[in-house]
Amino acid sequence: MGSRRNLQNWNTKKVRKLRENLKLSKIQRAVLIGTILGDGSLTKNAYGKHCRLQIEHKELHKEYVDWKYKVFQKWCLSKPRNREKTNSWKFRTISHPIFTEFRRLFYRGGKKIIPESIGELLKDPLTLAVWFMDDGGNLAKRGILLNIQQFSLKEVELIQKVLQENFGLFSTKQWNNSGYRLYFGKESRMELQRIVKNFILPCLGYKLLLTP
């Protein structure tokens, strides 16, 4: 009942005007792009007109969900909620034209893609850090991984090029199960960690490999 009341209130003329005036801050934009590249999804609302951002992570990473919620709190009607069935925490924003624009960039036929303009979108270290917190990992004492198996070979190679040009990060492709992941060894793994480590939340610190 409460959520329905919130929805009704949101549809008042006054609050619709507020929604129209919402704009992404630099931090929100950086986190949004990293989240889209990672585990976040952009879904259409019930009317199919505009999209909303949906974020969900497992119970172990509730701190991460809460952090993302604080970033997008002005865009949300309710706090993160627990999903017992999946042992996870989830929240979503309101639908908004800005999320619709990003869906047009990052989706084709309902599937997430890497847009050709990724070189302009993936420049902020915070964006890279969020993507790493979503999809990163390590091979103990050997190197850092970025799990991007859902993307095509052409997209993976484009990501490699952009990471090299924008951050000086060199990587190799590794086939893993159903797709490629990126592997950062030797100097690149340390440079990657230097770039992202100040953004990494404690609950995700295990993804780093800070020894030389």
N, C-alpha and C. Protein backbone atom coordinates (compact mmCIF):
# COMPACT_ATOMS: atom_id res chain seq x y z
N MET A 1 0.83 -1.20 0.00
CA MET A 1 0.00 0.00 0.00
C MET A 1 0.87 1.25 0.00
N GLY A 2 1.95 1.21 0.83
CA GLY A 2 2.85 2.35 0.90
C GLY A 2 3.50 2.66 -0.43
N SER A 3 3.98 1.60 -1.13
CA SER A 3 4.64 1.81 -2.41
C SER A 3 3.67 2.36 -3.44
N ARG A 4 2.39 1.92 -3.37
CA ARG A 4 1.40 2.42 -4.30
C ARG A 4 1.15 3.91 -4.05
N ARG A 5 1.11 4.31 -2.77
CA ARG A 5 0.91 5.70 -2.42
C ARG A 5 2.07 6.55 -2.93
N ASN A 6 3.28 6.01 -2.78
CA ASN A 6 4.45 6.73 -3.29
C ASN A 6 4.36 6.93 -4.79
N LEU A 7 3.90 5.88 -5.49
CA LEU A 7 3.79 5.97 -6.93
C LEU A 7 2.76 7.02 -7.32
N GLN A 8 1.63 7.06 -6.60
CA GLN A 8 0.61 8.05 -6.89
C GLN A 8 1.15 9.46 -6.64
N ASN A 9 1.85 9.62 -5.51
CA ASN A 9 2.42 10.93 -5.21
C ASN A 9 3.42 11.36 -6.27
N TRP A 10 4.19 10.35 -6.76
CA TRP A 10 5.19 10.66 -7.78
C TRP A 10 4.54 11.16 -9.06
N ASN A 11 3.31 10.77 -9.31
CA ASN A 11 2.64 11.17 -10.54
C ASN A 11 1.89 12.49 -10.42
N THR A 12 2.03 13.18 -9.30
CA THR A 12 1.42 14.50 -9.20
C THR A 12 2.20 15.46 -10.09
N LYS A 13 1.55 16.56 -10.45
CA LYS A 13 2.17 17.54 -11.34
C LYS A 13 3.45 18.09 -10.75
N LYS A 14 3.43 18.36 -9.43
CA LYS A 14 4.59 18.92 -8.76
C LYS A 14 5.79 17.99 -8.83
N VAL A 15 5.56 16.71 -8.56
CA VAL A 15 6.67 15.77 -8.52
C VAL A 15 7.12 15.38 -9.92
N ARG A 16 6.19 15.36 -10.86
CA ARG A 16 6.60 15.13 -12.26
C ARG A 16 7.54 16.23 -12.71
N LYS A 17 7.28 17.44 -12.27
CA LYS A 17 8.17 18.56 -12.60
C LYS A 17 9.54 18.35 -11.99
N LEU A 18 9.55 17.85 -10.75
CA LEU A 18 10.82 17.55 -10.09
C LEU A 18 11.61 16.52 -10.87
N ARG A 19 10.92 15.48 -11.34
CA ARG A 19 11.59 14.44 -12.12
C ARG A 19 12.20 15.01 -13.40
N GLU A 20 11.47 15.91 -14.04
CA GLU A 20 11.97 16.51 -15.27
C GLU A 20 13.25 17.31 -15.03
N ASN A 21 13.39 17.84 -13.83
CA ASN A 21 14.55 18.69 -13.51
C ASN A 21 15.75 17.90 -12.98
N LEU A 22 15.58 16.60 -12.74
CA LEU A 22 16.70 15.79 -12.27
C LEU A 22 17.79 15.70 -13.34
N LYS A 23 19.02 15.87 -12.92
CA LYS A 23 20.16 15.73 -13.83
C LYS A 23 21.24 14.91 -13.13
N LEU A 24 21.97 14.16 -13.91
CA LEU A 24 23.05 13.35 -13.35
C LEU A 24 24.23 14.22 -12.96
N SER A 25 24.73 14.04 -11.76
CA SER A 25 25.98 14.69 -11.36
C SER A 25 27.13 13.94 -12.02
N LYS A 26 28.33 14.49 -11.92
CA LYS A 26 29.50 13.83 -12.49
C LYS A 26 29.71 12.46 -11.85
N ILE A 27 29.55 12.40 -10.52
CA ILE A 27 29.73 11.13 -9.81
C ILE A 27 28.64 10.13 -10.21
N GLN A 28 27.40 10.58 -10.28
CA GLN A 28 26.30 9.69 -10.66
C GLN A 28 26.51 9.14 -12.07
N ARG A 29 26.96 9.99 -12.98
CA ARG A 29 27.20 9.54 -14.35
C ARG A 29 28.30 8.49 -14.40
N ALA A 30 29.38 8.74 -13.65
CA ALA A 30 30.50 7.79 -13.62
C ALA A 30 30.06 6.44 -13.05
N VAL A 31 29.30 6.47 -11.96
CA VAL A 31 28.82 5.23 -11.34
C VAL A 31 27.82 4.54 -12.25
N LEU A 32 26.97 5.31 -12.91
CA LEU A 32 25.98 4.74 -13.81
C LEU A 32 26.64 3.97 -14.94
N ILE A 33 27.63 4.56 -15.58
CA ILE A 33 28.28 3.89 -16.71
C ILE A 33 28.99 2.63 -16.25
N GLY A 34 29.70 2.71 -15.11
CA GLY A 34 30.36 1.52 -14.59
C GLY A 34 29.38 0.43 -14.24
N THR A 35 28.23 0.83 -13.71
CA THR A 35 27.19 -0.14 -13.34
C THR A 35 26.56 -0.79 -14.56
N ILE A 36 26.33 -0.01 -15.60
CA ILE A 36 25.77 -0.58 -16.83
C ILE A 36 26.76 -1.57 -17.45
N LEU A 37 28.03 -1.20 -17.47
CA LEU A 37 29.04 -2.12 -17.99
C LEU A 37 29.10 -3.40 -17.16
N GLY A 38 28.80 -3.27 -15.88
CA GLY A 38 28.84 -4.42 -14.98
C GLY A 38 27.52 -5.12 -14.82
N ASP A 39 27.04 -5.17 -13.57
CA ASP A 39 25.87 -6.00 -13.24
C ASP A 39 24.54 -5.27 -13.29
N GLY A 40 24.55 -3.96 -13.44
CA GLY A 40 23.30 -3.21 -13.47
C GLY A 40 22.52 -3.44 -14.75
N SER A 41 21.23 -3.16 -14.70
CA SER A 41 20.40 -3.31 -15.90
C SER A 41 19.48 -2.11 -16.05
N LEU A 42 19.16 -1.78 -17.27
CA LEU A 42 18.21 -0.72 -17.59
C LEU A 42 16.96 -1.37 -18.15
N THR A 43 15.86 -1.24 -17.44
CA THR A 43 14.62 -1.91 -17.83
C THR A 43 13.52 -0.89 -18.10
N LYS A 44 12.64 -1.22 -19.01
CA LYS A 44 11.54 -0.32 -19.36
C LYS A 44 10.48 -0.34 -18.26
N ASN A 45 9.81 0.79 -18.09
CA ASN A 45 8.73 0.84 -17.11
C ASN A 45 7.48 0.15 -17.66
N ALA A 46 6.43 0.14 -16.86
CA ALA A 46 5.22 -0.59 -17.23
C ALA A 46 4.58 -0.05 -18.51
N TYR A 47 4.84 1.22 -18.80
CA TYR A 47 4.25 1.83 -19.98
C TYR A 47 5.15 1.69 -21.22
N GLY A 48 6.39 1.24 -20.99
CA GLY A 48 7.31 1.03 -22.10
C GLY A 48 7.87 2.31 -22.68
N LYS A 49 7.65 3.44 -21.99
CA LYS A 49 8.09 4.73 -22.53
C LYS A 49 9.52 5.04 -22.15
N HIS A 50 9.83 4.91 -20.85
CA HIS A 50 11.17 5.23 -20.38
C HIS A 50 11.73 4.08 -19.53
N CYS A 51 13.02 4.20 -19.21
CA CYS A 51 13.71 3.11 -18.52
C CYS A 51 14.14 3.54 -17.12
N ARG A 52 14.39 2.53 -16.29
CA ARG A 52 14.89 2.75 -14.93
C ARG A 52 16.15 1.90 -14.75
N LEU A 53 16.96 2.31 -13.81
CA LEU A 53 18.16 1.54 -13.46
C LEU A 53 17.82 0.58 -12.33
N GLN A 54 18.22 -0.67 -12.51
CA GLN A 54 17.98 -1.68 -11.49
C GLN A 54 19.30 -2.27 -11.03
N ILE A 55 19.49 -2.31 -9.72
CA ILE A 55 20.75 -2.79 -9.14
C ILE A 55 20.45 -3.89 -8.14
N GLU A 56 21.20 -4.98 -8.26
CA GLU A 56 21.02 -6.11 -7.33
C GLU A 56 22.35 -6.82 -7.12
N HIS A 57 22.70 -7.03 -5.85
CA HIS A 57 23.91 -7.76 -5.51
C HIS A 57 23.62 -8.70 -4.35
N LYS A 58 24.44 -9.70 -4.19
CA LYS A 58 24.21 -10.71 -3.16
C LYS A 58 24.38 -10.13 -1.76
N GLU A 59 23.87 -10.86 -0.79
CA GLU A 59 23.88 -10.43 0.62
C GLU A 59 25.27 -10.01 1.09
N LEU A 60 26.29 -10.74 0.65
CA LEU A 60 27.66 -10.44 1.04
C LEU A 60 28.06 -9.02 0.67
N HIS A 61 27.42 -8.47 -0.36
CA HIS A 61 27.79 -7.15 -0.87
C HIS A 61 26.72 -6.10 -0.58
N LYS A 62 26.01 -6.26 0.52
CA LYS A 62 24.97 -5.29 0.88
C LYS A 62 25.57 -3.89 1.06
N GLU A 63 26.78 -3.82 1.60
CA GLU A 63 27.45 -2.53 1.75
C GLU A 63 27.56 -1.82 0.41
N TYR A 64 27.81 -2.59 -0.64
CA TYR A 64 27.95 -2.06 -1.99
C TYR A 64 26.60 -1.56 -2.52
N VAL A 65 25.55 -2.31 -2.26
CA VAL A 65 24.20 -1.90 -2.65
C VAL A 65 23.84 -0.59 -1.95
N ASP A 66 24.12 -0.51 -0.66
CA ASP A 66 23.81 0.70 0.10
C ASP A 66 24.60 1.90 -0.43
N TRP A 67 25.84 1.66 -0.81
CA TRP A 67 26.66 2.74 -1.37
C TRP A 67 26.07 3.25 -2.69
N LYS A 68 25.68 2.33 -3.56
CA LYS A 68 25.08 2.74 -4.82
C LYS A 68 23.75 3.45 -4.59
N TYR A 69 23.01 2.98 -3.61
CA TYR A 69 21.73 3.63 -3.30
C TYR A 69 21.96 5.08 -2.87
N LYS A 70 22.97 5.33 -2.06
CA LYS A 70 23.26 6.70 -1.63
C LYS A 70 23.61 7.58 -2.82
N VAL A 71 24.30 7.00 -3.79
CA VAL A 71 24.66 7.75 -4.99
C VAL A 71 23.40 8.17 -5.75
N PHE A 72 22.42 7.26 -5.84
CA PHE A 72 21.23 7.51 -6.65
C PHE A 72 19.97 7.78 -5.82
N GLN A 73 20.15 8.12 -4.57
CA GLN A 73 19.00 8.24 -3.66
C GLN A 73 17.94 9.22 -4.16
N LYS A 74 18.35 10.32 -4.75
CA LYS A 74 17.38 11.30 -5.25
C LYS A 74 16.56 10.76 -6.41
N TRP A 75 17.01 9.68 -6.99
CA TRP A 75 16.34 9.08 -8.15
C TRP A 75 15.46 7.90 -7.73
N CYS A 76 15.38 7.63 -6.44
CA CYS A 76 14.67 6.45 -5.95
C CYS A 76 13.46 6.82 -5.09
N LEU A 77 12.46 5.94 -5.11
CA LEU A 77 11.28 6.12 -4.27
C LEU A 77 11.34 5.28 -3.00
N SER A 78 12.16 4.25 -3.00
CA SER A 78 12.24 3.37 -1.84
C SER A 78 13.67 2.87 -1.66
N LYS A 79 13.98 2.43 -0.44
CA LYS A 79 15.30 1.94 -0.09
C LYS A 79 15.52 0.52 -0.63
N PRO A 80 16.77 0.06 -0.62
CA PRO A 80 17.04 -1.32 -1.03
C PRO A 80 16.23 -2.31 -0.20
N ARG A 81 15.80 -3.38 -0.83
CA ARG A 81 15.04 -4.40 -0.11
C ARG A 81 15.71 -5.76 -0.29
N ASN A 82 15.48 -6.59 0.67
CA ASN A 82 16.06 -7.92 0.66
C ASN A 82 15.20 -8.89 -0.14
N ARG A 83 15.83 -9.72 -0.94
CA ARG A 83 15.13 -10.76 -1.68
C ARG A 83 15.60 -12.10 -1.12
N GLU A 84 14.78 -12.66 -0.25
CA GLU A 84 15.16 -13.91 0.42
C GLU A 84 15.37 -15.05 -0.56
N LYS A 85 14.58 -15.06 -1.61
CA LYS A 85 14.66 -16.16 -2.59
C LYS A 85 16.04 -16.24 -3.23
N THR A 86 16.65 -15.09 -3.50
CA THR A 86 17.96 -15.06 -4.15
C THR A 86 19.08 -14.66 -3.20
N ASN A 87 18.73 -14.42 -1.91
CA ASN A 87 19.70 -14.00 -0.90
C ASN A 87 20.48 -12.78 -1.40
N SER A 88 19.74 -11.77 -1.83
CA SER A 88 20.35 -10.58 -2.41
C SER A 88 19.61 -9.33 -1.96
N TRP A 89 20.22 -8.17 -2.27
CA TRP A 89 19.60 -6.87 -2.01
C TRP A 89 19.43 -6.12 -3.32
N LYS A 90 18.32 -5.41 -3.43
CA LYS A 90 17.97 -4.82 -4.71
C LYS A 90 17.28 -3.47 -4.52
N PHE A 91 17.53 -2.56 -5.46
CA PHE A 91 16.73 -1.34 -5.54
C PHE A 91 16.67 -0.89 -6.99
N ARG A 92 15.75 0.00 -7.27
CA ARG A 92 15.66 0.54 -8.62
C ARG A 92 15.29 2.01 -8.55
N THR A 93 15.67 2.73 -9.58
CA THR A 93 15.36 4.15 -9.66
C THR A 93 13.98 4.34 -10.29
N ILE A 94 13.57 5.59 -10.36
CA ILE A 94 12.39 5.91 -11.16
C ILE A 94 12.76 5.78 -12.64
N SER A 95 11.78 5.70 -13.48
CA SER A 95 12.06 5.75 -14.92
C SER A 95 12.31 7.20 -15.31
N HIS A 96 13.20 7.39 -16.26
CA HIS A 96 13.60 8.76 -16.62
C HIS A 96 14.21 8.75 -18.03
N PRO A 97 14.02 9.83 -18.79
CA PRO A 97 14.58 9.89 -20.14
C PRO A 97 16.08 9.66 -20.21
N ILE A 98 16.83 10.08 -19.16
CA ILE A 98 18.28 9.90 -19.19
C ILE A 98 18.65 8.42 -19.21
N PHE A 99 17.89 7.60 -18.48
CA PHE A 99 18.17 6.17 -18.49
C PHE A 99 17.77 5.55 -19.82
N THR A 100 16.74 6.12 -20.44
CA THR A 100 16.33 5.66 -21.77
C THR A 100 17.44 5.93 -22.78
N GLU A 101 18.08 7.09 -22.67
CA GLU A 101 19.18 7.43 -23.57
C GLU A 101 20.34 6.45 -23.41
N PHE A 102 20.66 6.11 -22.17
CA PHE A 102 21.75 5.17 -21.94
C PHE A 102 21.39 3.76 -22.42
N ARG A 103 20.12 3.40 -22.32
CA ARG A 103 19.72 2.09 -22.83
C ARG A 103 19.90 2.02 -24.35
N ARG A 104 19.59 3.11 -25.03
CA ARG A 104 19.79 3.15 -26.48
C ARG A 104 21.26 2.96 -26.84
N LEU A 105 22.15 3.46 -25.98
CA LEU A 105 23.58 3.31 -26.21
C LEU A 105 24.08 1.90 -25.94
N PHE A 106 23.60 1.31 -24.84
CA PHE A 106 24.19 0.07 -24.33
C PHE A 106 23.38 -1.19 -24.61
N TYR A 107 22.27 -1.08 -25.33
CA TYR A 107 21.46 -2.27 -25.62
C TYR A 107 21.11 -2.33 -27.10
N ARG A 108 21.12 -3.54 -27.63
CA ARG A 108 20.63 -3.81 -28.98
C ARG A 108 19.78 -5.06 -28.93
N GLY A 109 18.53 -4.95 -29.35
CA GLY A 109 17.64 -6.10 -29.34
C GLY A 109 17.48 -6.70 -27.96
N GLY A 110 17.50 -5.86 -26.94
CA GLY A 110 17.34 -6.34 -25.57
C GLY A 110 18.60 -6.90 -24.94
N LYS A 111 19.71 -6.90 -25.69
CA LYS A 111 20.98 -7.45 -25.18
C LYS A 111 21.97 -6.33 -24.94
N LYS A 112 22.71 -6.43 -23.84
CA LYS A 112 23.71 -5.41 -23.51
C LYS A 112 24.89 -5.50 -24.47
N ILE A 113 25.36 -4.34 -24.93
CA ILE A 113 26.48 -4.27 -25.87
C ILE A 113 27.51 -3.24 -25.38
N ILE A 114 28.64 -3.21 -26.07
CA ILE A 114 29.62 -2.15 -25.87
C ILE A 114 29.48 -1.17 -27.04
N PRO A 115 29.07 0.07 -26.78
CA PRO A 115 28.88 1.02 -27.88
C PRO A 115 30.21 1.47 -28.47
N GLU A 116 30.18 1.91 -29.71
CA GLU A 116 31.40 2.38 -30.37
C GLU A 116 31.97 3.61 -29.67
N SER A 117 31.13 4.33 -28.97
CA SER A 117 31.56 5.55 -28.27
C SER A 117 32.14 5.26 -26.89
N ILE A 118 32.46 4.01 -26.59
CA ILE A 118 32.91 3.63 -25.25
C ILE A 118 34.19 4.39 -24.86
N GLY A 119 34.99 4.79 -25.83
CA GLY A 119 36.21 5.53 -25.53
C GLY A 119 35.93 6.86 -24.86
N GLU A 120 34.79 7.47 -25.18
CA GLU A 120 34.38 8.73 -24.56
C GLU A 120 33.67 8.50 -23.24
N LEU A 121 33.06 7.34 -23.08
CA LEU A 121 32.27 7.04 -21.89
C LEU A 121 33.11 6.48 -20.74
N LEU A 122 34.18 5.78 -21.08
CA LEU A 122 35.00 5.11 -20.08
C LEU A 122 36.32 5.87 -19.89
N LYS A 123 36.23 7.00 -19.19
CA LYS A 123 37.42 7.82 -18.94
C LYS A 123 37.65 8.08 -17.46
N ASP A 124 36.59 8.08 -16.68
CA ASP A 124 36.67 8.40 -15.26
C ASP A 124 37.16 7.18 -14.48
N PRO A 125 38.19 7.32 -13.64
CA PRO A 125 38.65 6.19 -12.81
C PRO A 125 37.54 5.58 -11.96
N LEU A 126 36.57 6.40 -11.54
CA LEU A 126 35.46 5.88 -10.75
C LEU A 126 34.62 4.91 -11.57
N THR A 127 34.43 5.21 -12.84
CA THR A 127 33.70 4.30 -13.72
C THR A 127 34.40 2.95 -13.79
N LEU A 128 35.71 2.99 -13.98
CA LEU A 128 36.49 1.75 -14.04
C LEU A 128 36.42 1.00 -12.72
N ALA A 129 36.46 1.74 -11.60
CA ALA A 129 36.41 1.11 -10.28
C ALA A 129 35.08 0.41 -10.05
N VAL A 130 33.99 1.05 -10.43
CA VAL A 130 32.67 0.43 -10.27
C VAL A 130 32.56 -0.82 -11.14
N TRP A 131 33.04 -0.74 -12.36
CA TRP A 131 33.03 -1.90 -13.25
C TRP A 131 33.85 -3.03 -12.63
N PHE A 132 35.00 -2.68 -12.05
CA PHE A 132 35.83 -3.70 -11.42
C PHE A 132 35.12 -4.31 -10.21
N MET A 133 34.47 -3.47 -9.39
CA MET A 133 33.76 -4.01 -8.23
C MET A 133 32.64 -4.94 -8.66
N ASP A 134 32.02 -4.66 -9.80
CA ASP A 134 30.96 -5.53 -10.33
C ASP A 134 31.54 -6.82 -10.92
N ASP A 135 32.55 -6.69 -11.78
CA ASP A 135 32.98 -7.82 -12.60
C ASP A 135 34.45 -8.21 -12.45
N GLY A 136 35.16 -7.59 -11.53
CA GLY A 136 36.58 -7.88 -11.38
C GLY A 136 36.85 -9.07 -10.48
N GLY A 137 38.09 -9.47 -10.47
CA GLY A 137 38.52 -10.58 -9.63
C GLY A 137 40.02 -10.76 -9.78
N ASN A 138 40.56 -11.81 -9.17
CA ASN A 138 42.00 -12.04 -9.31
C ASN A 138 42.30 -13.53 -9.35
N LEU A 139 43.44 -13.84 -9.94
CA LEU A 139 44.02 -15.17 -9.87
C LEU A 139 45.15 -15.07 -8.85
N ALA A 140 44.99 -15.69 -7.73
CA ALA A 140 45.88 -15.50 -6.58
C ALA A 140 47.35 -15.48 -6.98
N LYS A 141 48.02 -14.37 -6.63
CA LYS A 141 49.45 -14.16 -6.83
C LYS A 141 49.85 -14.10 -8.30
N ARG A 142 48.87 -14.04 -9.20
CA ARG A 142 49.24 -14.03 -10.61
C ARG A 142 48.75 -12.80 -11.37
N GLY A 143 47.49 -12.45 -11.25
CA GLY A 143 47.00 -11.31 -12.02
C GLY A 143 45.57 -10.95 -11.69
N ILE A 144 45.12 -9.88 -12.32
CA ILE A 144 43.77 -9.35 -12.12
C ILE A 144 42.91 -9.70 -13.33
N LEU A 145 41.62 -9.94 -13.05
CA LEU A 145 40.69 -10.31 -14.11
C LEU A 145 39.56 -9.31 -14.22
N LEU A 146 39.03 -9.17 -15.43
CA LEU A 146 37.78 -8.45 -15.66
C LEU A 146 36.89 -9.40 -16.46
N ASN A 147 35.82 -9.83 -15.83
CA ASN A 147 34.95 -10.83 -16.45
C ASN A 147 33.93 -10.17 -17.37
N ILE A 148 34.17 -10.29 -18.66
CA ILE A 148 33.31 -9.65 -19.66
C ILE A 148 32.85 -10.69 -20.69
N GLN A 149 32.59 -11.88 -20.20
CA GLN A 149 32.26 -12.99 -21.09
C GLN A 149 30.99 -12.78 -21.90
N GLN A 150 30.14 -11.85 -21.48
CA GLN A 150 28.88 -11.65 -22.19
C GLN A 150 29.04 -10.86 -23.49
N PHE A 151 30.23 -10.29 -23.70
CA PHE A 151 30.43 -9.46 -24.89
C PHE A 151 31.14 -10.23 -26.00
N SER A 152 30.94 -9.77 -27.22
CA SER A 152 31.52 -10.44 -28.39
C SER A 152 33.03 -10.20 -28.46
N LEU A 153 33.70 -10.97 -29.31
CA LEU A 153 35.15 -10.81 -29.48
C LEU A 153 35.48 -9.40 -29.94
N LYS A 154 34.70 -8.87 -30.87
CA LYS A 154 34.93 -7.52 -31.37
C LYS A 154 34.79 -6.50 -30.25
N GLU A 155 33.81 -6.69 -29.40
CA GLU A 155 33.59 -5.76 -28.28
C GLU A 155 34.71 -5.88 -27.25
N VAL A 156 35.15 -7.10 -26.99
CA VAL A 156 36.25 -7.32 -26.05
C VAL A 156 37.51 -6.60 -26.53
N GLU A 157 37.79 -6.72 -27.82
CA GLU A 157 38.98 -6.07 -28.38
C GLU A 157 38.86 -4.55 -28.34
N LEU A 158 37.64 -4.04 -28.49
CA LEU A 158 37.42 -2.60 -28.37
C LEU A 158 37.67 -2.15 -26.93
N ILE A 159 37.21 -2.94 -25.98
CA ILE A 159 37.46 -2.63 -24.56
C ILE A 159 38.96 -2.61 -24.29
N GLN A 160 39.68 -3.59 -24.81
CA GLN A 160 41.13 -3.63 -24.62
C GLN A 160 41.79 -2.36 -25.14
N LYS A 161 41.37 -1.94 -26.31
CA LYS A 161 41.94 -0.74 -26.92
C LYS A 161 41.68 0.50 -26.08
N VAL A 162 40.45 0.63 -25.58
CA VAL A 162 40.08 1.80 -24.79
C VAL A 162 40.81 1.81 -23.45
N LEU A 163 40.93 0.67 -22.80
CA LEU A 163 41.65 0.60 -21.53
C LEU A 163 43.12 0.95 -21.71
N GLN A 164 43.68 0.57 -22.83
CA GLN A 164 45.07 0.91 -23.11
C GLN A 164 45.23 2.40 -23.38
N GLU A 165 44.34 2.95 -24.22
CA GLU A 165 44.46 4.35 -24.60
C GLU A 165 44.09 5.31 -23.46
N ASN A 166 43.06 4.97 -22.70
CA ASN A 166 42.58 5.89 -21.66
C ASN A 166 43.27 5.74 -20.31
N PHE A 167 43.76 4.53 -20.03
CA PHE A 167 44.34 4.28 -18.70
C PHE A 167 45.74 3.67 -18.75
N GLY A 168 46.25 3.39 -19.94
CA GLY A 168 47.57 2.78 -20.04
C GLY A 168 47.60 1.34 -19.56
N LEU A 169 46.46 0.65 -19.65
CA LEU A 169 46.35 -0.72 -19.16
C LEU A 169 46.41 -1.72 -20.31
N PHE A 170 47.37 -2.62 -20.25
CA PHE A 170 47.52 -3.67 -21.26
C PHE A 170 46.92 -4.96 -20.72
N SER A 171 46.21 -5.68 -21.57
CA SER A 171 45.56 -6.92 -21.13
C SER A 171 45.64 -7.96 -22.23
N THR A 172 45.41 -9.20 -21.83
CA THR A 172 45.32 -10.28 -22.79
C THR A 172 43.94 -10.93 -22.65
N LYS A 173 43.46 -11.51 -23.74
CA LYS A 173 42.17 -12.21 -23.73
C LYS A 173 42.37 -13.64 -23.26
N GLN A 174 41.45 -14.08 -22.42
CA GLN A 174 41.45 -15.48 -21.98
C GLN A 174 40.06 -16.06 -22.20
N TRP A 175 39.99 -17.18 -22.91
CA TRP A 175 38.69 -17.82 -23.08
C TRP A 175 38.30 -18.49 -21.77
N ASN A 176 37.08 -18.22 -21.32
CA ASN A 176 36.63 -18.78 -20.06
C ASN A 176 35.16 -19.16 -20.18
N ASN A 177 34.88 -20.43 -20.16
CA ASN A 177 33.51 -20.95 -20.29
C ASN A 177 32.86 -20.53 -21.60
N SER A 178 32.03 -19.48 -21.57
CA SER A 178 31.27 -19.12 -22.78
C SER A 178 31.76 -17.86 -23.47
N GLY A 179 32.87 -17.28 -22.99
CA GLY A 179 33.35 -16.05 -23.60
C GLY A 179 34.72 -15.66 -23.09
N TYR A 180 35.14 -14.46 -23.48
CA TYR A 180 36.47 -13.98 -23.11
C TYR A 180 36.43 -13.13 -21.84
N ARG A 181 37.47 -13.25 -21.05
CA ARG A 181 37.70 -12.34 -19.94
C ARG A 181 39.05 -11.68 -20.19
N LEU A 182 39.29 -10.54 -19.54
CA LEU A 182 40.57 -9.86 -19.68
C LEU A 182 41.47 -10.19 -18.50
N TYR A 183 42.73 -10.38 -18.80
CA TYR A 183 43.73 -10.70 -17.78
C TYR A 183 44.78 -9.61 -17.77
N PHE A 184 45.06 -9.06 -16.59
CA PHE A 184 46.06 -8.02 -16.42
C PHE A 184 47.20 -8.59 -15.58
N GLY A 185 48.35 -8.73 -16.19
CA GLY A 185 49.49 -9.32 -15.49
C GLY A 185 50.60 -8.31 -15.26
N LYS A 186 51.55 -8.68 -14.44
CA LYS A 186 52.75 -7.89 -14.16
C LYS A 186 52.43 -6.43 -13.87
N GLU A 187 52.99 -5.50 -14.68
CA GLU A 187 52.85 -4.07 -14.38
C GLU A 187 51.41 -3.58 -14.51
N SER A 188 50.67 -4.12 -15.46
CA SER A 188 49.31 -3.62 -15.67
C SER A 188 48.40 -3.91 -14.49
N ARG A 189 48.60 -5.04 -13.82
CA ARG A 189 47.73 -5.35 -12.68
C ARG A 189 47.95 -4.34 -11.56
N MET A 190 49.20 -3.92 -11.37
CA MET A 190 49.49 -2.96 -10.32
C MET A 190 48.98 -1.57 -10.69
N GLU A 191 49.05 -1.23 -11.96
CA GLU A 191 48.54 0.07 -12.41
C GLU A 191 47.03 0.11 -12.29
N LEU A 192 46.37 -0.97 -12.65
CA LEU A 192 44.92 -1.04 -12.51
C LEU A 192 44.52 -0.85 -11.05
N GLN A 193 45.20 -1.54 -10.18
CA GLN A 193 44.87 -1.44 -8.76
C GLN A 193 45.18 -0.05 -8.20
N ARG A 194 46.24 0.57 -8.70
CA ARG A 194 46.56 1.94 -8.28
C ARG A 194 45.42 2.89 -8.65
N ILE A 195 44.84 2.68 -9.82
CA ILE A 195 43.76 3.55 -10.31
C ILE A 195 42.49 3.38 -9.50
N VAL A 196 42.15 2.13 -9.13
CA VAL A 196 40.83 1.88 -8.54
C VAL A 196 40.83 1.72 -7.02
N LYS A 197 41.98 1.46 -6.40
CA LYS A 197 41.98 0.99 -5.01
C LYS A 197 41.31 1.95 -4.03
N ASN A 198 41.42 3.26 -4.26
CA ASN A 198 40.83 4.22 -3.32
C ASN A 198 39.30 4.25 -3.38
N PHE A 199 38.74 3.65 -4.41
CA PHE A 199 37.28 3.60 -4.54
C PHE A 199 36.69 2.28 -4.04
N ILE A 200 37.53 1.27 -3.89
CA ILE A 200 37.03 -0.07 -3.58
C ILE A 200 36.50 -0.14 -2.15
N LEU A 201 35.27 -0.63 -2.01
CA LEU A 201 34.67 -0.77 -0.68
C LEU A 201 35.28 -1.96 0.06
N PRO A 202 35.30 -1.91 1.39
CA PRO A 202 35.88 -3.00 2.17
C PRO A 202 35.31 -4.38 1.83
N CYS A 203 34.01 -4.46 1.57
CA CYS A 203 33.40 -5.77 1.29
C CYS A 203 33.86 -6.35 -0.03
N LEU A 204 34.52 -5.54 -0.86
CA LEU A 204 35.00 -6.00 -2.17
C LEU A 204 36.52 -5.96 -2.27
N GLY A 205 37.18 -5.70 -1.13
CA GLY A 205 38.64 -5.62 -1.15
C GLY A 205 39.31 -6.92 -1.53
N TYR A 206 38.60 -8.03 -1.35
CA TYR A 206 39.19 -9.34 -1.68
C TYR A 206 39.45 -9.49 -3.18
N LYS A 207 38.87 -8.62 -3.99
CA LYS A 207 39.08 -8.72 -5.43
C LYS A 207 40.44 -8.16 -5.86
N LEU A 208 41.05 -7.40 -4.98
CA LEU A 208 42.34 -6.82 -5.28
C LEU A 208 43.47 -7.81 -5.00
N LEU A 209 44.58 -7.56 -5.68
CA LEU A 209 45.78 -8.36 -5.45
C LEU A 209 46.93 -7.36 -5.33
N LEU A 210 47.15 -6.89 -4.12
CA LEU A 210 48.01 -5.73 -3.93
C LEU A 210 49.49 -6.05 -3.82
N THR A 211 49.86 -7.31 -3.79
CA THR A 211 51.29 -7.66 -3.74
C THR A 211 51.87 -7.60 -5.15
N PRO A 212 53.14 -7.21 -5.31
CA PRO A 212 53.78 -7.12 -6.63
C PRO A 212 53.83 -8.46 -7.33
